[in-house]
Protein backbone atom coordinates (compact mmCIF):
# COMPACT_ATOMS: atom_id res chain seq x y z
CA MET A 1 27.68 -12.88 4.33
CA ASP A 2 28.07 -10.12 6.15
CA LEU A 3 26.19 -7.43 7.78
CA LEU A 4 26.77 -4.68 4.07
CA GLN A 5 25.32 -7.71 2.08
CA ILE A 6 22.05 -8.41 4.48
CA SER A 7 21.36 -4.67 4.69
CA ILE A 8 21.82 -4.59 1.19
CA ALA A 9 19.40 -7.51 0.77
CA ALA A 10 16.97 -5.76 3.42
CA ILE A 11 16.40 -2.49 1.01
CA PRO A 12 13.00 -4.16 -0.52
CA PHE A 13 11.84 -5.11 2.53
CA LEU A 14 12.56 -1.62 4.01
CA LEU A 15 10.86 0.39 0.98
CA ALA A 16 7.94 -2.21 1.37
CA LEU A 17 7.36 -0.42 4.31
CA MET A 18 8.06 3.14 3.28
CA SER A 19 5.04 2.34 0.93
CA ARG A 20 3.51 0.82 3.14
CA THR A 21 1.17 -1.30 1.67
CA SER A 22 0.24 -4.56 3.02
CA LYS A 23 0.01 -6.47 0.03
CA ALA A 24 3.52 -5.62 -0.84
CA ILE A 25 5.30 -6.23 2.29
CA VAL A 26 4.89 -9.56 2.31
CA PRO A 27 6.57 -10.33 -0.81
CA CYS A 28 8.85 -8.32 -1.33
CA LEU A 29 9.74 -9.31 3.06
CA LEU A 30 10.25 -13.11 1.46
CA THR A 31 12.12 -12.51 -1.34
CA SER A 32 14.80 -10.46 1.11
CA LEU A 33 15.09 -13.54 2.60
CA PHE A 34 15.51 -15.68 -0.06
CA THR A 35 18.11 -12.75 -1.58
CA VAL A 36 19.80 -13.72 2.01
CA LEU A 37 19.61 -17.89 1.99
CA LEU A 38 20.70 -17.77 -1.56
CA GLY A 39 23.99 -15.35 -0.81
CA GLU A 40 26.05 -18.58 -1.36
CA ALA A 41 24.80 -18.87 -5.30
CA PRO A 42 24.63 -15.18 -6.34
CA HIS A 43 23.24 -14.81 -9.69
CA ARG A 44 20.29 -16.44 -7.61
CA ALA A 45 20.40 -13.86 -5.04
CA VAL A 46 20.64 -10.94 -7.71
CA VAL A 47 17.28 -12.27 -9.13
CA ALA A 48 15.49 -12.88 -6.09
CA TRP A 49 16.24 -9.24 -5.42
CA CYS A 50 15.64 -7.26 -8.53
CA VAL A 51 12.26 -8.86 -8.06
CA GLY A 52 11.67 -7.60 -4.46
CA MET A 53 12.44 -4.36 -5.77
CA LEU A 54 10.69 -4.25 -8.70
CA ILE A 55 7.46 -5.11 -6.14
CA ALA A 56 9.01 -2.36 -3.70
CA ALA A 57 9.28 -0.01 -6.56
CA VAL A 58 5.76 -0.36 -7.66
CA ALA A 59 4.05 0.05 -4.59
CA LEU A 60 6.06 2.81 -3.60
CA ARG A 61 4.88 4.48 -6.67
CA GLU A 62 1.79 4.41 -5.63
CA ARG A 63 2.08 5.19 -2.37
CA LEU A 64 3.44 8.38 -3.89
CA ARG A 65 1.02 8.70 -6.73
CA ALA A 66 -1.85 8.69 -4.57
CA GLY A 67 -0.42 11.12 -2.27
């Protein structure tokens, strides 16, 4: 994997850091790692990345909603 693919894989983790919810940071970190590890099988990596994005999006939405 090159740097661009790794940075795209890290997006869920970075969004979880923005949410500042410790409950979302660890699962998003794990899904980002799985995305990097499964980079040779793109269809599996996309599933892991989408799960991480869903977790991060919900955590970020809750932070914005709480104000």
